[in-house]
Structure formats: structure tokens, C-alpha cells
Amino acid sequence: MALMITDECINCDVCEPECPNDAISMGAEFYEIDPHKCTECVGHFDQPQCQEVCPVSCIPFNPEWRESREALEVKSERLKQEAAAERG
């Protein structure tokens, strides 16, 4: 399951730099999470870092994007390999 940012977001800018997968970016009105890049920090941390730092607790799990822990681990490894390939 990926995370999502609700419209309660105050655009405080603290979540974006915490994401190890660069899944968080500014949307039209508030920050958004790309579910194709979100691994809930599996493969990096024990807890989702964006949830840990959010001062208004507006980052719940996205009920429309369900993934098992194993799927998140596979996604994390793929994203790490893609990032390494981009770095060259």
C-alpha cells in the first residue's frame, strides 16, 4: 500500500526531503505522493519517514493502492537499481 497526502496538507515542506524514493512532489495545491515510487520506506527505514515528520498527520495509507510487504520490497530494490543506473 502506498501513502497519500490529504488536502489537510499545509505545504510545510518537511516531507519531501525525507522520502528516500523521491516519491513526494508539489502538486497543484499541496504535496502529492507518486504511488509508483512509494514503498512506505520499506528497504530504507522501519517507519514511513513522511508520516514521522508531518506536523498535521495528513499522510495516511492509500486504500486504493494495496501492496504486500514483499511487493514493496521488490519495488524498493527496483527503484534502487534505477537510481544507481541514472547515477551512472
N, C-alpha and C. Protein backbone atom coordinates (compact mmCIF):
# COMPACT_ATOMS: atom_id res chain seq x y z
N MET A 1 0.85 -1.17 0.00
CA MET A 1 0.00 0.00 0.00
C MET A 1 0.89 1.23 0.00
N ALA A 2 0.60 2.14 -0.82
CA ALA A 2 1.33 3.40 -0.85
C ALA A 2 0.68 4.37 0.14
N LEU A 3 1.35 5.45 0.37
CA LEU A 3 0.81 6.51 1.21
C LEU A 3 0.21 7.58 0.32
N MET A 4 -0.57 8.46 0.92
CA MET A 4 -1.15 9.58 0.19
C MET A 4 -1.16 10.79 1.10
N ILE A 5 -1.20 11.97 0.52
CA ILE A 5 -1.27 13.20 1.28
C ILE A 5 -2.65 13.79 1.07
N THR A 6 -3.34 14.09 2.17
CA THR A 6 -4.70 14.61 2.08
C THR A 6 -4.68 16.12 1.90
N ASP A 7 -5.86 16.67 1.66
CA ASP A 7 -5.96 18.11 1.45
C ASP A 7 -5.80 18.91 2.75
N GLU A 8 -5.52 18.22 3.84
CA GLU A 8 -5.19 18.90 5.10
C GLU A 8 -3.73 19.37 5.12
N CYS A 9 -2.98 19.02 4.08
CA CYS A 9 -1.57 19.39 3.97
C CYS A 9 -1.43 20.91 4.04
N ILE A 10 -0.44 21.37 4.82
CA ILE A 10 -0.20 22.80 4.97
C ILE A 10 1.03 23.25 4.17
N ASN A 11 1.54 22.36 3.31
CA ASN A 11 2.70 22.68 2.46
C ASN A 11 3.90 23.18 3.27
N CYS A 12 4.19 22.49 4.34
CA CYS A 12 5.28 22.91 5.22
C CYS A 12 6.66 22.50 4.69
N ASP A 13 6.69 21.66 3.67
CA ASP A 13 7.94 21.26 3.01
C ASP A 13 8.80 20.26 3.79
N VAL A 14 8.33 19.69 4.88
CA VAL A 14 9.20 18.78 5.63
C VAL A 14 9.19 17.35 5.12
N CYS A 15 8.14 16.93 4.44
CA CYS A 15 8.05 15.54 4.00
C CYS A 15 8.90 15.25 2.76
N GLU A 16 8.91 16.17 1.82
CA GLU A 16 9.58 15.92 0.54
C GLU A 16 11.04 15.47 0.68
N PRO A 17 11.87 16.17 1.45
CA PRO A 17 13.27 15.75 1.53
C PRO A 17 13.47 14.45 2.32
N GLU A 18 12.48 14.01 3.07
CA GLU A 18 12.60 12.79 3.86
C GLU A 18 12.38 11.52 3.04
N CYS A 19 11.77 11.65 1.86
CA CYS A 19 11.42 10.48 1.06
C CYS A 19 12.65 9.91 0.36
N PRO A 20 13.03 8.67 0.66
CA PRO A 20 14.22 8.09 0.03
C PRO A 20 14.02 7.72 -1.44
N ASN A 21 12.77 7.72 -1.89
CA ASN A 21 12.48 7.33 -3.28
C ASN A 21 12.07 8.49 -4.16
N ASP A 22 12.15 9.70 -3.66
CA ASP A 22 11.70 10.88 -4.41
C ASP A 22 10.27 10.73 -4.90
N ALA A 23 9.41 10.15 -4.06
CA ALA A 23 8.01 9.92 -4.43
C ALA A 23 7.13 11.13 -4.12
N ILE A 24 7.63 12.10 -3.37
CA ILE A 24 6.84 13.24 -2.96
C ILE A 24 7.23 14.47 -3.79
N SER A 25 6.22 15.13 -4.31
CA SER A 25 6.46 16.36 -5.08
C SER A 25 5.27 17.30 -4.90
N MET A 26 5.49 18.57 -5.23
CA MET A 26 4.42 19.55 -5.11
C MET A 26 3.41 19.32 -6.22
N GLY A 27 2.15 19.25 -5.85
CA GLY A 27 1.06 19.11 -6.81
C GLY A 27 0.46 20.46 -7.10
N ALA A 28 -0.73 20.47 -7.62
CA ALA A 28 -1.39 21.73 -7.97
C ALA A 28 -1.67 22.59 -6.74
N GLU A 29 -2.06 21.97 -5.63
CA GLU A 29 -2.40 22.73 -4.43
C GLU A 29 -1.59 22.34 -3.20
N PHE A 30 -1.18 21.08 -3.14
CA PHE A 30 -0.40 20.61 -1.99
C PHE A 30 0.45 19.43 -2.46
N TYR A 31 1.31 18.96 -1.57
CA TYR A 31 2.21 17.87 -1.93
C TYR A 31 1.42 16.61 -2.27
N GLU A 32 2.02 15.80 -3.16
CA GLU A 32 1.42 14.55 -3.59
C GLU A 32 2.47 13.45 -3.51
N ILE A 33 1.99 12.20 -3.41
CA ILE A 33 2.88 11.05 -3.39
C ILE A 33 2.60 10.20 -4.62
N ASP A 34 3.66 9.90 -5.38
CA ASP A 34 3.54 9.03 -6.54
C ASP A 34 3.50 7.59 -6.04
N PRO A 35 2.38 6.89 -6.16
CA PRO A 35 2.29 5.53 -5.64
C PRO A 35 3.21 4.54 -6.35
N HIS A 36 3.67 4.89 -7.54
CA HIS A 36 4.60 4.02 -8.26
C HIS A 36 6.00 4.07 -7.65
N LYS A 37 6.28 5.11 -6.87
CA LYS A 37 7.58 5.26 -6.23
C LYS A 37 7.53 5.04 -4.73
N CYS A 38 6.35 5.10 -4.13
CA CYS A 38 6.22 4.97 -2.67
C CYS A 38 6.34 3.51 -2.25
N THR A 39 7.26 3.26 -1.33
CA THR A 39 7.43 1.92 -0.76
C THR A 39 7.16 1.92 0.74
N GLU A 40 6.53 3.00 1.24
CA GLU A 40 6.31 3.15 2.68
C GLU A 40 7.64 3.09 3.44
N CYS A 41 8.71 3.41 2.75
CA CYS A 41 10.08 3.40 3.25
C CYS A 41 10.63 1.99 3.47
N VAL A 42 9.89 0.96 3.02
CA VAL A 42 10.41 -0.41 3.07
C VAL A 42 11.71 -0.44 2.27
N GLY A 43 12.72 -1.07 2.84
CA GLY A 43 14.03 -1.12 2.19
C GLY A 43 14.94 0.01 2.62
N HIS A 44 14.39 0.96 3.39
CA HIS A 44 15.19 2.10 3.86
C HIS A 44 15.06 2.31 5.37
N PHE A 45 13.83 2.36 5.86
CA PHE A 45 13.55 2.66 7.27
C PHE A 45 12.45 1.74 7.80
N ASP A 46 12.32 1.68 9.11
CA ASP A 46 11.28 0.86 9.74
C ASP A 46 9.90 1.50 9.65
N GLN A 47 9.86 2.81 9.59
CA GLN A 47 8.60 3.55 9.53
C GLN A 47 8.64 4.53 8.38
N PRO A 48 7.48 4.83 7.78
CA PRO A 48 7.45 5.85 6.72
C PRO A 48 7.91 7.20 7.28
N GLN A 49 8.96 7.72 6.71
CA GLN A 49 9.56 8.95 7.23
C GLN A 49 8.66 10.17 7.06
N CYS A 50 7.88 10.20 5.99
CA CYS A 50 6.99 11.35 5.79
C CYS A 50 5.95 11.42 6.91
N GLN A 51 5.43 10.26 7.31
CA GLN A 51 4.46 10.23 8.41
C GLN A 51 5.12 10.68 9.71
N GLU A 52 6.36 10.28 9.90
CA GLU A 52 7.08 10.62 11.13
C GLU A 52 7.26 12.13 11.30
N VAL A 53 7.50 12.85 10.21
CA VAL A 53 7.81 14.28 10.31
C VAL A 53 6.61 15.19 10.08
N CYS A 54 5.51 14.66 9.58
CA CYS A 54 4.35 15.50 9.25
C CYS A 54 3.74 16.12 10.50
N PRO A 55 3.69 17.45 10.59
CA PRO A 55 3.16 18.09 11.79
C PRO A 55 1.63 18.07 11.90
N VAL A 56 0.94 17.77 10.80
CA VAL A 56 -0.53 17.76 10.84
C VAL A 56 -1.12 16.37 10.60
N SER A 57 -0.29 15.36 10.54
CA SER A 57 -0.74 13.97 10.37
C SER A 57 -1.71 13.80 9.20
N CYS A 58 -1.31 14.29 8.05
CA CYS A 58 -2.17 14.22 6.86
C CYS A 58 -1.68 13.21 5.83
N ILE A 59 -0.91 12.19 6.28
CA ILE A 59 -0.35 11.22 5.35
C ILE A 59 -0.79 9.81 5.76
N PRO A 60 -2.00 9.43 5.39
CA PRO A 60 -2.48 8.07 5.70
C PRO A 60 -2.07 7.10 4.59
N PHE A 61 -2.36 5.83 4.82
CA PHE A 61 -2.18 4.83 3.78
C PHE A 61 -3.26 5.02 2.73
N ASN A 62 -2.90 4.82 1.48
CA ASN A 62 -3.83 4.99 0.37
C ASN A 62 -4.63 3.70 0.20
N PRO A 63 -5.93 3.72 0.51
CA PRO A 63 -6.72 2.49 0.43
C PRO A 63 -6.91 1.98 -1.00
N GLU A 64 -6.63 2.81 -1.98
CA GLU A 64 -6.78 2.40 -3.38
C GLU A 64 -5.50 1.81 -3.96
N TRP A 65 -4.45 1.74 -3.16
CA TRP A 65 -3.16 1.26 -3.66
C TRP A 65 -2.61 0.23 -2.68
N ARG A 66 -3.07 -0.99 -2.78
CA ARG A 66 -2.68 -2.05 -1.85
C ARG A 66 -1.50 -2.85 -2.40
N GLU A 67 -0.49 -3.05 -1.56
CA GLU A 67 0.68 -3.85 -1.92
C GLU A 67 1.15 -4.61 -0.68
N SER A 68 1.59 -5.83 -0.89
CA SER A 68 2.12 -6.63 0.22
C SER A 68 3.52 -6.13 0.57
N ARG A 69 3.99 -6.54 1.71
CA ARG A 69 5.36 -6.20 2.12
C ARG A 69 6.36 -6.71 1.08
N GLU A 70 6.12 -7.92 0.57
CA GLU A 70 7.01 -8.49 -0.43
C GLU A 70 7.02 -7.63 -1.71
N ALA A 71 5.85 -7.16 -2.13
CA ALA A 71 5.78 -6.30 -3.32
C ALA A 71 6.51 -4.98 -3.08
N LEU A 72 6.40 -4.45 -1.87
CA LEU A 72 7.10 -3.22 -1.54
C LEU A 72 8.62 -3.42 -1.55
N GLU A 73 9.06 -4.59 -1.08
CA GLU A 73 10.49 -4.89 -1.10
C GLU A 73 11.01 -4.99 -2.53
N VAL A 74 10.24 -5.64 -3.41
CA VAL A 74 10.63 -5.75 -4.81
C VAL A 74 10.68 -4.37 -5.46
N LYS A 75 9.68 -3.55 -5.18
CA LYS A 75 9.64 -2.19 -5.73
C LYS A 75 10.85 -1.39 -5.24
N SER A 76 11.16 -1.51 -3.96
CA SER A 76 12.30 -0.79 -3.39
C SER A 76 13.59 -1.17 -4.08
N GLU A 77 13.82 -2.45 -4.30
CA GLU A 77 15.03 -2.90 -4.98
C GLU A 77 15.08 -2.38 -6.42
N ARG A 78 13.94 -2.41 -7.12
CA ARG A 78 13.89 -1.90 -8.49
C ARG A 78 14.23 -0.41 -8.52
N LEU A 79 13.64 0.36 -7.59
CA LEU A 79 13.92 1.80 -7.55
C LEU A 79 15.38 2.09 -7.22
N LYS A 80 15.97 1.30 -6.35
CA LYS A 80 17.40 1.47 -6.02
C LYS A 80 18.26 1.20 -7.24
N GLN A 81 17.92 0.16 -8.00
CA GLN A 81 18.70 -0.18 -9.20
C GLN A 81 18.54 0.92 -10.26
N GLU A 82 17.32 1.43 -10.42
CA GLU A 82 17.10 2.51 -11.39
C GLU A 82 17.88 3.76 -11.01
N ALA A 83 17.89 4.10 -9.72
CA ALA A 83 18.62 5.27 -9.25
C ALA A 83 20.13 5.09 -9.48
N ALA A 84 20.63 3.90 -9.22
CA ALA A 84 22.05 3.64 -9.44
C ALA A 84 22.41 3.73 -10.92
N ALA A 85 21.53 3.25 -11.78
CA ALA A 85 21.77 3.31 -13.22
C ALA A 85 21.78 4.77 -13.71
N GLU A 86 20.91 5.59 -13.14
CA GLU A 86 20.86 7.01 -13.53
C GLU A 86 22.14 7.74 -13.11
N ARG A 87 22.68 7.35 -11.95
CA ARG A 87 23.91 7.98 -11.47
C ARG A 87 25.10 7.56 -12.32
N GLY A 88 24.96 6.44 -12.99
CA GLY A 88 25.95 6.06 -13.93
C GLY A 88 26.97 5.10 -13.55
